Amino acid sequence: MMEKLLFVGLPEHKRTASFEFFTQLLENTYQIEYTKITIDKNWTNTTYAYNRIIFWQRLPPPEHLRAVSPTSVVYVPMYDEARNYNRQVIRTWAPFKIISFCRSIHEDLTAWGFNSKYVQYFPKPMVEAPLPLAAHKAFFWKREGSYINEAIPDAMIPLLLHDSGMKLHYHSETKPVCEKEFEDMVASRSSWLRSKEEMISLLRECSLYIAPRESEGIGMSFLDAMANGLAVAGADNPTMNEYISDGQNGYLFDLMKPLPINLENLQQVREKSLESCQAGYEKWEKEKWSLIDFIEEPHPSSLLVQVPRGFEYRSLKQKSMSFRAKRLVKRLAGK
């Protein structure tokens, strides 16, 4: 009989199925039950009749964790949120096994003494070669910014595509009308979509995907773009810079000093993007089973962890004081 595993995630991730690749792996070994965790302290699930518990992205308040055996817990943090945590919060991870889909987090945690396992995820390529297009077009998904993860400013897009002649597909869940500076660039637009298949169909009409956030936890949206033969342009931050080599299989830009992207070899970059996705997928298929071994192996009862004072994740080192001040104001305002 399979062991019971409780998978605790955020409601929006259940809706978008962004952790489905991981739960499908778990279902080969465990009988999984799902519950959700909310951002406040009113999380009410107190039933822990499970052999294993996996917390995806966020841990519940400490008072709820006291009823849980630390040896049964596996925590899966996401870089885009975890980079906002202070030293005291990260030290509370010490009793748990940690699965890192971000190399930056993994390297820091292991250096500090945490029990971390790193595997890089890639989806299965959905096309055999980049689809031929009559004209090149960039896909930009307008995301809402928050204290957890700032969205790429709209005004950066015309700068990145300056003098490229490239048109734009503008997608926004809440604001289908684009900014004025986009008007001359926009060739098509979309808002709410009923399915992921509709999104894939729109992606395949484009050759370049502009990653819409300054950092990612894994990066499902731009990985879908790579799997469909698009080149990806993203900020030089995790996890984009863990998948992309600038000018080779994609493009990286400096958030604080963005320059126009050189798209002269766009078709070759698209081909390399798809090739790296294929190679990454084959590696993922071989290595993903090591995650089950990691979940099953004994966890040290005590670990000596030392999170350095005043540490910063790599992406934050690139931010100006004005940027940090803006983030602080947003956080204090609850945005």
C-alpha atoms as a PDB file:
ATOM      1  CA  MET A   1       0.000   0.000   0.000  1.00  0.00           C
ATOM      2  CA  MET A   2       1.302   3.441  -0.950  1.00  0.00           C
ATOM      3  CA  GLU A   3       2.351   5.869   1.759  1.00  0.00           C
ATOM      4  CA  LYS A   4       0.154   8.922   2.217  1.00  0.00           C
ATOM      5  CA  LEU A   5       1.626  12.265   1.223  1.00  0.00           C
ATOM      6  CA  LEU A   6       0.083  15.661   1.905  1.00  0.00           C
ATOM      7  CA  PHE A   7       0.919  18.265  -0.734  1.00  0.00           C
ATOM      8  CA  VAL A   8       0.382  21.820   0.502  1.00  0.00           C
ATOM      9  CA  GLY A   9       0.428  24.561  -2.108  1.00  0.00           C
ATOM     10  CA  LEU A  10      -0.977  27.958  -2.965  1.00  0.00           C
ATOM     11  CA  PRO A  11      -4.485  28.066  -4.483  1.00  0.00           C
ATOM     12  CA  GLU A  12      -3.292  29.831  -7.642  1.00  0.00           C
ATOM     13  CA  HIS A  13      -0.764  27.085  -8.362  1.00  0.00           C
ATOM     14  CA  LYS A  14      -3.482  24.458  -8.190  1.00  0.00           C
ATOM     15  CA  ARG A  15      -5.459  26.506 -10.700  1.00  0.00           C
ATOM     16  CA  THR A  16      -2.552  27.005 -13.117  1.00  0.00           C
ATOM     17  CA  ALA A  17      -1.221  23.448 -12.632  1.00  0.00           C
ATOM     18  CA  SER A  18       2.298  24.852 -12.325  1.00  0.00           C
ATOM     19  CA  PHE A  19       3.335  22.086  -9.914  1.00  0.00           C
ATOM     20  CA  GLU A  20       1.716  19.298 -11.921  1.00  0.00           C
ATOM     21  CA  PHE A  21       5.052  18.075 -13.329  1.00  0.00           C
ATOM     22  CA  PHE A  22       6.192  17.440  -9.749  1.00  0.00           C
ATOM     23  CA  THR A  23       2.994  15.880  -8.395  1.00  0.00           C
ATOM     24  CA  GLN A  24       2.827  13.532 -11.386  1.00  0.00           C
ATOM     25  CA  LEU A  25       6.249  12.258 -10.345  1.00  0.00           C
ATOM     26  CA  LEU A  26       5.115  11.860  -6.733  1.00  0.00           C
ATOM     27  CA  GLU A  27       2.017   9.928  -7.760  1.00  0.00           C
ATOM     28  CA  ASN A  28       4.229   7.042  -8.869  1.00  0.00           C
ATOM     29  CA  THR A  29       5.259   6.477  -5.256  1.00  0.00           C
ATOM     30  CA  TYR A  30       2.692   8.094  -2.967  1.00  0.00           C
ATOM     31  CA  GLN A  31      -1.019   8.407  -2.399  1.00  0.00           C
ATOM     32  CA  ILE A  32      -1.349  12.183  -2.607  1.00  0.00           C
ATOM     33  CA  GLU A  33      -3.870  14.466  -0.968  1.00  0.00           C
ATOM     34  CA  TYR A  34      -3.907  18.186  -1.636  1.00  0.00           C
ATOM     35  CA  THR A  35      -4.675  21.133   0.566  1.00  0.00           C
ATOM     36  CA  LYS A  36      -4.026  24.826   0.238  1.00  0.00           C
ATOM     37  CA  ILE A  37      -2.146  27.307   2.336  1.00  0.00           C
ATOM     38  CA  THR A  38      -3.156  30.942   2.492  1.00  0.00           C
ATOM     39  CA  ILE A  39      -0.912  33.952   2.886  1.00  0.00           C
ATOM     40  CA  ASP A  40      -2.358  34.883   6.287  1.00  0.00           C
ATOM     41  CA  LYS A  41      -2.226  33.026   9.603  1.00  0.00           C
ATOM     42  CA  ASN A  42      -5.728  31.594   9.381  1.00  0.00           C
ATOM     43  CA  TRP A  43      -4.591  28.354   7.793  1.00  0.00           C
ATOM     44  CA  THR A  44      -6.768  25.732   9.499  1.00  0.00           C
ATOM     45  CA  ASN A  45      -5.433  22.389   8.321  1.00  0.00           C
ATOM     46  CA  THR A  46      -4.242  20.552  11.442  1.00  0.00           C
ATOM     47  CA  THR A  47      -4.648  16.944  10.279  1.00  0.00           C
ATOM     48  CA  TYR A  48      -1.229  15.382   9.852  1.00  0.00           C
ATOM     49  CA  ALA A  49      -1.982  11.695   9.426  1.00  0.00           C
ATOM     50  CA  TYR A  50       0.568  11.498   6.651  1.00  0.00           C
ATOM     51  CA  ASN A  51       3.932   9.832   6.175  1.00  0.00           C
ATOM     52  CA  ARG A  52       5.262  12.798   4.196  1.00  0.00           C
ATOM     53  CA  ILE A  53       4.307  16.454   3.867  1.00  0.00           C
ATOM     54  CA  ILE A  54       5.509  18.701   1.062  1.00  0.00           C
ATOM     55  CA  PHE A  55       5.133  22.463   1.308  1.00  0.00           C
ATOM     56  CA  TRP A  56       5.323  24.111  -2.107  1.00  0.00           C
ATOM     57  CA  GLN A  57       6.746  27.669  -2.114  1.00  0.00           C
ATOM     58  CA  ARG A  58       5.517  28.731   1.330  1.00  0.00           C
ATOM     59  CA  LEU A  59       5.592  27.325   4.846  1.00  0.00           C
ATOM     60  CA  PRO A  60       2.628  27.792   7.196  1.00  0.00           C
ATOM     61  CA  PRO A  61       2.934  29.896  10.362  1.00  0.00           C
ATOM     62  CA  PRO A  62       5.271  28.436  13.027  1.00  0.00           C
ATOM     63  CA  GLU A  63       2.381  27.520  15.342  1.00  0.00           C
ATOM     64  CA  HIS A  64       1.092  25.074  12.734  1.00  0.00           C
ATOM     65  CA  LEU A  65       4.505  23.553  12.112  1.00  0.00           C
ATOM     66  CA  ARG A  66       4.954  22.687  15.788  1.00  0.00           C
ATOM     67  CA  ALA A  67       2.507  19.807  15.382  1.00  0.00           C
ATOM     68  CA  VAL A  68       4.519  18.346  12.501  1.00  0.00           C
ATOM     69  CA  SER A  69       7.507  16.022  12.746  1.00  0.00           C
ATOM     70  CA  PRO A  70      10.340  17.866  10.929  1.00  0.00           C
ATOM     71  CA  THR A  71      11.612  14.568   9.517  1.00  0.00           C
ATOM     72  CA  SER A  72       8.375  14.173   7.534  1.00  0.00           C
ATOM     73  CA  VAL A  73       8.587  17.615   5.897  1.00  0.00           C
ATOM     74  CA  VAL A  74      10.074  18.558   2.540  1.00  0.00           C
ATOM     75  CA  TYR A  75      10.062  22.241   1.643  1.00  0.00           C
ATOM     76  CA  VAL A  76      10.244  23.525  -1.942  1.00  0.00           C
ATOM     77  CA  PRO A  77      11.066  27.269  -1.848  1.00  0.00           C
ATOM     78  CA  MET A  78      10.837  29.506  -4.902  1.00  0.00           C
ATOM     79  CA  TYR A  79      13.555  32.045  -5.617  1.00  0.00           C
ATOM     80  CA  ASP A  80      11.243  34.906  -6.576  1.00  0.00           C
ATOM     81  CA  GLU A  81       9.605  34.866  -3.148  1.00  0.00           C
ATOM     82  CA  ALA A  82      12.462  33.531  -1.016  1.00  0.00           C
ATOM     83  CA  ARG A  83      14.820  36.321  -2.068  1.00  0.00           C
ATOM     84  CA  ASN A  84      12.610  38.685  -0.021  1.00  0.00           C
ATOM     85  CA  TYR A  85      13.038  36.687   3.200  1.00  0.00           C
ATOM     86  CA  ASN A  86      15.374  37.834   5.915  1.00  0.00           C
ATOM     87  CA  ARG A  87      18.015  35.832   7.749  1.00  0.00           C
ATOM     88  CA  GLN A  88      15.688  34.877  10.606  1.00  0.00           C
ATOM     89  CA  VAL A  89      13.070  33.399   8.270  1.00  0.00           C
ATOM     90  CA  ILE A  90      15.569  31.337   6.288  1.00  0.00           C
ATOM     91  CA  ARG A  91      17.058  29.904   9.483  1.00  0.00           C
ATOM     92  CA  THR A  92      13.643  28.341  10.251  1.00  0.00           C
ATOM     93  CA  TRP A  93      14.128  26.053   7.228  1.00  0.00           C
ATOM     94  CA  ALA A  94      16.951  24.179   8.944  1.00  0.00           C
ATOM     95  CA  PRO A  95      14.862  21.257  10.327  1.00  0.00           C
ATOM     96  CA  PHE A  96      13.557  20.306   6.871  1.00  0.00           C
ATOM     97  CA  LYS A  97      14.800  18.729   3.671  1.00  0.00           C
ATOM     98  CA  ILE A  98      14.765  21.268   0.863  1.00  0.00           C
ATOM     99  CA  ILE A  99      14.248  20.684  -2.849  1.00  0.00           C
ATOM    100  CA  SER A 100      15.628  23.557  -4.924  1.00  0.00           C
ATOM    101  CA  PHE A 101      14.638  24.086  -8.552  1.00  0.00           C
ATOM    102  CA  CYS A 102      16.872  27.180  -8.528  1.00  0.00           C
ATOM    103  CA  ARG A 103      20.631  26.680  -8.519  1.00  0.00           C
ATOM    104  CA  SER A 104      21.211  30.037  -6.815  1.00  0.00           C
ATOM    105  CA  ILE A 105      19.138  29.052  -3.773  1.00  0.00           C
ATOM    106  CA  HIS A 106      20.704  25.586  -3.659  1.00  0.00           C
ATOM    107  CA  GLU A 107      24.281  26.877  -3.705  1.00  0.00           C
ATOM    108  CA  ASP A 108      23.579  29.343  -0.907  1.00  0.00           C
ATOM    109  CA  LEU A 109      21.731  26.824   1.249  1.00  0.00           C
ATOM    110  CA  THR A 110      24.348  24.103   0.948  1.00  0.00           C
ATOM    111  CA  ALA A 111      27.109  26.621   1.730  1.00  0.00           C
ATOM    112  CA  TRP A 112      25.188  27.567   4.868  1.00  0.00           C
ATOM    113  CA  GLY A 113      24.753  23.935   5.985  1.00  0.00           C
ATOM    114  CA  PHE A 114      21.186  23.163   4.883  1.00  0.00           C
ATOM    115  CA  ASN A 115      20.133  19.795   3.456  1.00  0.00           C
ATOM    116  CA  SER A 116      19.263  20.844  -0.105  1.00  0.00           C
ATOM    117  CA  LYS A 117      18.745  18.865  -3.320  1.00  0.00           C
ATOM    118  CA  TYR A 118      18.957  20.596  -6.715  1.00  0.00           C
ATOM    119  CA  VAL A 119      17.425  19.434  -9.977  1.00  0.00           C
ATOM    120  CA  GLN A 120      16.700  21.629 -12.995  1.00  0.00           C
ATOM    121  CA  TYR A 121      13.318  21.120 -14.631  1.00  0.00           C
ATOM    122  CA  PHE A 122      12.668  21.286 -18.370  1.00  0.00           C
ATOM    123  CA  PRO A 123       9.376  20.529 -20.144  1.00  0.00           C
ATOM    124  CA  LYS A 124       9.167  18.206 -23.129  1.00  0.00           C
ATOM    125  CA  PRO A 125       9.675  20.119 -26.400  1.00  0.00           C
ATOM    126  CA  MET A 126       6.385  20.563 -28.230  1.00  0.00           C
ATOM    127  CA  VAL A 127       7.789  21.148 -31.737  1.00  0.00           C
ATOM    128  CA  GLU A 128      10.608  19.470 -33.651  1.00  0.00           C
ATOM    129  CA  ALA A 129      11.983  22.731 -35.012  1.00  0.00           C
ATOM    130  CA  PRO A 130      11.166  26.445 -34.620  1.00  0.00           C
ATOM    131  CA  LEU A 131       8.073  27.138 -36.662  1.00  0.00           C
ATOM    132  CA  PRO A 132       8.635  29.304 -39.780  1.00  0.00           C
ATOM    133  CA  LEU A 133       6.994  32.721 -39.523  1.00  0.00           C
ATOM    134  CA  ALA A 134       6.136  35.296 -42.154  1.00  0.00           C
ATOM    135  CA  ALA A 135       7.246  38.071 -39.789  1.00  0.00           C
ATOM    136  CA  HIS A 136       8.941  38.022 -36.406  1.00  0.00           C
ATOM    137  CA  LYS A 137       6.892  39.087 -33.424  1.00  0.00           C
ATOM    138  CA  ALA A 138       7.620  39.287 -29.688  1.00  0.00           C
ATOM    139  CA  PHE A 139       5.233  37.969 -27.041  1.00  0.00           C
ATOM    140  CA  PHE A 140       4.900  40.138 -23.921  1.00  0.00           C
ATOM    141  CA  TRP A 141       2.677  39.035 -21.043  1.00  0.00           C
ATOM    142  CA  LYS A 142       1.874  42.027 -18.864  1.00  0.00           C
ATOM    143  CA  ARG A 143       2.106  40.796 -15.257  1.00  0.00           C
ATOM    144  CA  GLU A 144       1.016  42.565 -12.120  1.00  0.00           C
ATOM    145  CA  GLY A 145       3.878  43.551  -9.836  1.00  0.00           C
ATOM    146  CA  SER A 146       3.956  42.808  -6.111  1.00  0.00           C
ATOM    147  CA  TYR A 147       6.405  42.991  -3.246  1.00  0.00           C
ATOM    148  CA  ILE A 148       7.193  39.323  -3.964  1.00  0.00           C
ATOM    149  CA  ASN A 149       8.156  39.810  -7.575  1.00  0.00           C
ATOM    150  CA  GLU A 150       8.377  43.028  -9.547  1.00  0.00           C
ATOM    151  CA  ALA A 151       7.037  42.958 -13.086  1.00  0.00           C
ATOM    152  CA  ILE A 152       9.214  44.178 -15.927  1.00  0.00           C
ATOM    153  CA  PRO A 153       8.183  47.826 -16.537  1.00  0.00           C
ATOM    154  CA  ASP A 154       6.162  48.345 -19.704  1.00  0.00           C
ATOM    155  CA  ALA A 155       8.464  51.175 -20.746  1.00  0.00           C
ATOM    156  CA  MET A 156      11.381  48.720 -20.958  1.00  0.00           C
ATOM    157  CA  ILE A 157       9.885  46.814 -23.901  1.00  0.00           C
ATOM    158  CA  PRO A 158      10.272  49.519 -26.581  1.00  0.00           C
ATOM    159  CA  LEU A 159      13.836  50.039 -25.335  1.00  0.00           C
ATOM    160  CA  LEU A 160      14.730  46.343 -25.588  1.00  0.00           C
ATOM    161  CA  LEU A 161      13.249  46.100 -29.101  1.00  0.00           C
ATOM    162  CA  HIS A 162      14.531  49.496 -30.281  1.00  0.00           C
ATOM    163  CA  ASP A 163      15.356  49.574 -34.013  1.00  0.00           C
ATOM    164  CA  SER A 164      14.598  45.852 -34.367  1.00  0.00           C
ATOM    165  CA  GLY A 165      11.480  46.394 -36.454  1.00  0.00           C
ATOM    166  CA  MET A 166       9.825  43.648 -34.414  1.00  0.00           C
ATOM    167  CA  LYS A 167       6.116  43.852 -33.708  1.00  0.00           C
ATOM    168  CA  LEU A 168       4.518  42.868 -30.412  1.00  0.00           C
ATOM    169  CA  HIS A 169       1.787  40.576 -29.169  1.00  0.00           C
ATOM    170  CA  TYR A 170       0.514  42.162 -25.964  1.00  0.00           C
ATOM    171  CA  HIS A 171      -1.221  39.851 -23.463  1.00  0.00           C
ATOM    172  CA  SER A 172      -2.757  41.030 -20.203  1.00  0.00           C
ATOM    173  CA  GLU A 173      -5.175  39.143 -17.940  1.00  0.00           C
ATOM    174  CA  THR A 174      -6.582  42.322 -16.413  1.00  0.00           C
ATOM    175  CA  LYS A 175      -5.703  45.125 -18.842  1.00  0.00           C
ATOM    176  CA  PRO A 176      -6.167  44.192 -22.503  1.00  0.00           C
ATOM    177  CA  VAL A 177      -5.531  47.797 -23.585  1.00  0.00           C
ATOM    178  CA  CYS A 178      -1.786  48.372 -23.754  1.00  0.00           C
ATOM    179  CA  GLU A 179       0.204  51.446 -22.811  1.00  0.00           C
ATOM    180  CA  LYS A 180       0.395  54.338 -25.275  1.00  0.00           C
ATOM    181  CA  GLU A 181       4.084  53.823 -26.011  1.00  0.00           C
ATOM    182  CA  PHE A 182       3.198  50.381 -27.385  1.00  0.00           C
ATOM    183  CA  GLU A 183       0.606  51.481 -29.903  1.00  0.00           C
ATOM    184  CA  ASP A 184       2.899  51.566 -32.932  1.00  0.00           C
ATOM    185  CA  MET A 185       4.460  48.210 -32.005  1.00  0.00           C
ATOM    186  CA  VAL A 186       1.370  46.142 -31.242  1.00  0.00           C
ATOM    187  CA  ALA A 187       0.293  43.772 -34.003  1.00  0.00           C
ATOM    188  CA  SER A 188      -2.098  41.676 -31.888  1.00  0.00           C
ATOM    189  CA  ARG A 189      -3.372  41.451 -28.340  1.00  0.00           C
ATOM    190  CA  SER A 190      -5.229  39.124 -25.991  1.00  0.00           C
ATOM    191  CA  SER A 191      -6.616  39.081 -22.478  1.00  0.00           C
ATOM    192  CA  TRP A 192      -8.174  36.217 -20.535  1.00  0.00           C
ATOM    193  CA  LEU A 193      -7.657  32.790 -22.133  1.00  0.00           C
ATOM    194  CA  ARG A 194      -9.733  29.692 -21.427  1.00  0.00           C
ATOM    195  CA  SER A 195      -6.910  27.170 -21.631  1.00  0.00           C
ATOM    196  CA  LYS A 196      -3.175  26.699 -21.840  1.00  0.00           C
ATOM    197  CA  GLU A 197      -3.682  25.447 -25.397  1.00  0.00           C
ATOM    198  CA  GLU A 198      -4.883  28.905 -26.389  1.00  0.00           C
ATOM    199  CA  MET A 199      -1.747  30.430 -24.902  1.00  0.00           C
ATOM    200  CA  ILE A 200       0.455  27.938 -26.773  1.00  0.00           C
ATOM    201  CA  SER A 201      -1.308  28.812 -30.021  1.00  0.00           C
ATOM    202  CA  LEU A 202      -0.496  32.497 -29.504  1.00  0.00           C
ATOM    203  CA  LEU A 203       3.107  31.719 -28.549  1.00  0.00           C
ATOM    204  CA  ARG A 204       3.626  29.816 -31.789  1.00  0.00           C
ATOM    205  CA  GLU A 205       2.813  32.952 -33.775  1.00  0.00           C
ATOM    206  CA  CYS A 206       5.864  34.618 -32.207  1.00  0.00           C
ATOM    207  CA  SER A 207       9.624  34.106 -32.345  1.00  0.00           C
ATOM    208  CA  LEU A 208      10.686  35.950 -29.152  1.00  0.00           C
ATOM    209  CA  TYR A 209       9.279  35.721 -25.619  1.00  0.00           C
ATOM    210  CA  ILE A 210      10.062  38.527 -23.176  1.00  0.00           C
ATOM    211  CA  ALA A 211      10.103  37.073 -19.660  1.00  0.00           C
ATOM    212  CA  PRO A 212       7.761  39.441 -17.818  1.00  0.00           C
ATOM    213  CA  ARG A 213       9.214  39.281 -14.298  1.00  0.00           C
ATOM    214  CA  GLU A 214      12.541  40.318 -12.848  1.00  0.00           C
ATOM    215  CA  SER A 215      13.079  36.823 -11.419  1.00  0.00           C
ATOM    216  CA  GLU A 216      11.339  33.451 -11.312  1.00  0.00           C
ATOM    217  CA  GLY A 217      10.824  30.530  -8.964  1.00  0.00           C
ATOM    218  CA  ILE A 218      11.167  28.000 -11.777  1.00  0.00           C
ATOM    219  CA  GLY A 219      10.020  29.904 -14.853  1.00  0.00           C
ATOM    220  CA  MET A 220       7.155  27.887 -16.326  1.00  0.00           C
ATOM    221  CA  SER A 221       6.019  30.592 -18.732  1.00  0.00           C
ATOM    222  CA  PHE A 222       9.376  31.102 -20.429  1.00  0.00           C
ATOM    223  CA  LEU A 223      10.065  27.339 -20.378  1.00  0.00           C
ATOM    224  CA  ASP A 224       6.839  26.824 -22.337  1.00  0.00           C
ATOM    225  CA  ALA A 225       8.155  29.387 -24.821  1.00  0.00           C
ATOM    226  CA  MET A 226      11.455  27.509 -25.193  1.00  0.00           C
ATOM    227  CA  ALA A 227       9.564  24.235 -25.638  1.00  0.00           C
ATOM    228  CA  ASN A 228       7.685  25.801 -28.557  1.00  0.00           C
ATOM    229  CA  GLY A 229      10.757  27.101 -30.390  1.00  0.00           C
ATOM    230  CA  LEU A 230      10.878  30.700 -29.196  1.00  0.00           C
ATOM    231  CA  ALA A 231      13.966  32.538 -28.049  1.00  0.00           C
ATOM    232  CA  VAL A 232      13.601  34.053 -24.575  1.00  0.00           C
ATOM    233  CA  ALA A 233      14.785  37.485 -23.463  1.00  0.00           C
ATOM    234  CA  GLY A 234      14.944  37.790 -19.695  1.00  0.00           C
ATOM    235  CA  ALA A 235      16.525  39.814 -16.920  1.00  0.00           C
ATOM    236  CA  ASP A 236      19.981  38.614 -15.913  1.00  0.00           C
ATOM    237  CA  ASN A 237      18.626  37.065 -12.712  1.00  0.00           C
ATOM    238  CA  PRO A 238      17.632  33.582 -11.558  1.00  0.00           C
ATOM    239  CA  THR A 239      16.151  31.525 -12.872  1.00  0.00           C
ATOM    240  CA  MET A 240      16.386  33.014 -16.358  1.00  0.00           C
ATOM    241  CA  ASN A 241      20.194  33.200 -16.230  1.00  0.00           C
ATOM    242  CA  GLU A 242      20.319  29.547 -15.132  1.00  0.00           C
ATOM    243  CA  TYR A 243      18.660  28.453 -18.385  1.00  0.00           C
ATOM    244  CA  ILE A 244      19.872  31.120 -20.809  1.00  0.00           C
ATOM    245  CA  SER A 245      23.335  31.930 -22.137  1.00  0.00           C
ATOM    246  CA  ASP A 246      23.199  35.438 -23.578  1.00  0.00           C
ATOM    247  CA  GLY A 247      23.312  35.472 -27.357  1.00  0.00           C
ATOM    248  CA  GLN A 248      23.508  31.680 -27.539  1.00  0.00           C
ATOM    249  CA  ASN A 249      20.123  30.152 -26.685  1.00  0.00           C
ATOM    250  CA  GLY A 250      18.447  33.375 -25.567  1.00  0.00           C
ATOM    251  CA  TYR A 251      19.092  36.919 -24.422  1.00  0.00           C
ATOM    252  CA  LEU A 252      19.832  38.433 -21.001  1.00  0.00           C
ATOM    253  CA  PHE A 253      19.540  42.113 -20.125  1.00  0.00           C
ATOM    254  CA  ASP A 254      20.528  44.265 -17.142  1.00  0.00           C
ATOM    255  CA  LEU A 255      17.425  45.491 -15.320  1.00  0.00           C
ATOM    256  CA  MET A 256      19.102  48.703 -14.182  1.00  0.00           C
ATOM    257  CA  LYS A 257      20.824  49.497 -17.491  1.00  0.00           C
ATOM    258  CA  PRO A 258      18.804  47.800 -20.247  1.00  0.00           C
ATOM    259  CA  LEU A 259      20.094  48.079 -23.793  1.00  0.00           C
ATOM    260  CA  PRO A 260      18.509  47.126 -27.135  1.00  0.00           C
ATOM    261  CA  ILE A 261      18.735  43.397 -27.868  1.00  0.00           C
ATOM    262  CA  ASN A 262      20.808  42.358 -30.870  1.00  0.00           C
ATOM    263  CA  LEU A 263      18.404  40.130 -32.801  1.00  0.00           C
ATOM    264  CA  GLU A 264      20.499  39.636 -35.945  1.00  0.00           C
ATOM    265  CA  ASN A 265      20.889  35.899 -35.251  1.00  0.00           C
ATOM    266  CA  LEU A 266      17.379  35.364 -33.914  1.00  0.00           C
ATOM    267  CA  GLN A 267      16.686  32.242 -35.963  1.00  0.00           C
ATOM    268  CA  GLN A 268      19.880  30.520 -34.795  1.00  0.00           C
ATOM    269  CA  VAL A 269      19.115  31.505 -31.202  1.00  0.00           C
ATOM    270  CA  ARG A 270      15.617  30.004 -31.566  1.00  0.00           C
ATOM    271  CA  GLU A 271      17.164  26.753 -32.754  1.00  0.00           C
ATOM    272  CA  LYS A 272      19.613  26.692 -29.827  1.00  0.00           C
ATOM    273  CA  SER A 273      16.763  27.470 -27.426  1.00  0.00           C
ATOM    274  CA  LEU A 274      14.853  24.412 -28.578  1.00  0.00           C
ATOM    275  CA  GLU A 275      18.001  22.261 -28.574  1.00  0.00           C
ATOM    276  CA  SER A 276      18.790  23.226 -24.977  1.00  0.00           C
ATOM    277  CA  CYS A 277      15.206  22.462 -23.998  1.00  0.00           C
ATOM    278  CA  GLN A 278      15.492  19.005 -25.556  1.00  0.00           C
ATOM    279  CA  ALA A 279      18.825  18.296 -23.825  1.00  0.00           C
ATOM    280  CA  GLY A 280      17.469  19.639 -20.537  1.00  0.00           C
ATOM    281  CA  TYR A 281      14.339  17.530 -20.793  1.00  0.00           C
ATOM    282  CA  GLU A 282      16.344  14.364 -21.391  1.00  0.00           C
ATOM    283  CA  LYS A 283      18.484  15.161 -18.347  1.00  0.00           C
ATOM    284  CA  TRP A 284      15.401  15.909 -16.237  1.00  0.00           C
ATOM    285  CA  GLU A 285      13.831  12.580 -17.190  1.00  0.00           C
ATOM    286  CA  LYS A 286      16.939  10.776 -15.931  1.00  0.00           C
ATOM    287  CA  GLU A 287      17.458  12.817 -12.769  1.00  0.00           C
ATOM    288  CA  LYS A 288      13.894  13.379 -11.572  1.00  0.00           C
ATOM    289  CA  TRP A 289      13.767  10.006  -9.798  1.00  0.00           C
ATOM    290  CA  SER A 290      16.574  11.161  -7.518  1.00  0.00           C
ATOM    291  CA  LEU A 291      14.010  13.480  -5.934  1.00  0.00           C
ATOM    292  CA  ILE A 292      12.078  10.453  -4.670  1.00  0.00           C
ATOM    293  CA  ASP A 293      15.295   9.021  -3.234  1.00  0.00           C
ATOM    294  CA  PHE A 294      15.969  12.353  -1.511  1.00  0.00           C
ATOM    295  CA  ILE A 295      12.476  12.456  -0.015  1.00  0.00           C
ATOM    296  CA  GLU A 296      12.899   8.901   1.287  1.00  0.00           C
ATOM    297  CA  GLU A 297      16.411   9.121   2.688  1.00  0.00           C
ATOM    298  CA  PRO A 298      16.936   9.847   6.410  1.00  0.00           C
ATOM    299  CA  HIS A 299      17.268  13.493   7.379  1.00  0.00           C
ATOM    300  CA  PRO A 300      19.876  14.530   9.957  1.00  0.00           C
ATOM    301  CA  SER A 301      18.194  15.206  13.301  1.00  0.00           C
ATOM    302  CA  SER A 302      20.196  18.392  13.746  1.00  0.00           C
ATOM    303  CA  LEU A 303      22.071  20.577  11.312  1.00  0.00           C
ATOM    304  CA  LEU A 304      24.488  23.387  12.107  1.00  0.00           C
ATOM    305  CA  VAL A 305      23.378  26.167   9.782  1.00  0.00           C
ATOM    306  CA  GLN A 306      24.957  29.591   9.587  1.00  0.00           C
ATOM    307  CA  VAL A 307      23.103  32.162   7.509  1.00  0.00           C
ATOM    308  CA  PRO A 308      25.456  35.140   7.187  1.00  0.00           C
ATOM    309  CA  ARG A 309      24.368  38.515   8.532  1.00  0.00           C
ATOM    310  CA  GLY A 310      23.296  40.959   5.869  1.00  0.00           C
ATOM    311  CA  PHE A 311      23.253  38.334   3.125  1.00  0.00           C
ATOM    312  CA  GLU A 312      21.692  39.176  -0.235  1.00  0.00           C
ATOM    313  CA  TYR A 313      20.553  36.895  -2.998  1.00  0.00           C
ATOM    314  CA  ARG A 314      22.361  37.523  -6.257  1.00  0.00           C
ATOM    315  CA  SER A 315      19.629  39.450  -8.044  1.00  0.00           C
ATOM    316  CA  LEU A 316      19.238  41.951  -5.211  1.00  0.00           C
ATOM    317  CA  LYS A 317      22.885  42.933  -5.552  1.00  0.00           C
ATOM    318  CA  GLN A 318      22.021  44.494  -8.882  1.00  0.00           C
ATOM    319  CA  LYS A 319      19.403  46.835  -7.446  1.00  0.00           C
ATOM    320  CA  SER A 320      19.878  50.534  -6.762  1.00  0.00           C
ATOM    321  CA  MET A 321      18.963  52.185  -3.459  1.00  0.00           C
ATOM    322  CA  SER A 322      15.960  53.844  -5.091  1.00  0.00           C
ATOM    323  CA  PHE A 323      14.716  50.453  -6.240  1.00  0.00           C
ATOM    324  CA  ARG A 324      15.034  49.049  -2.718  1.00  0.00           C
ATOM    325  CA  ALA A 325      13.255  52.076  -1.270  1.00  0.00           C
ATOM    326  CA  LYS A 326      10.387  51.563  -3.701  1.00  0.00           C
ATOM    327  CA  ARG A 327      10.138  47.898  -2.728  1.00  0.00           C
ATOM    328  CA  LEU A 328      10.045  48.806   0.973  1.00  0.00           C
ATOM    329  CA  VAL A 329       7.267  51.348   0.437  1.00  0.00           C
ATOM    330  CA  LYS A 330       5.211  48.770  -1.475  1.00  0.00           C
ATOM    331  CA  ARG A 331       5.753  46.163   1.214  1.00  0.00           C
ATOM    332  CA  LEU A 332       4.705  48.557   4.001  1.00  0.00           C
ATOM    333  CA  ALA A 333       1.617  49.471   1.978  1.00  0.00           C
ATOM    334  CA  GLY A 334       0.731  45.780   1.658  1.00  0.00           C
ATOM    335  CA  LYS A 335       1.030  45.762  -2.132  1.00  0.00           C
END
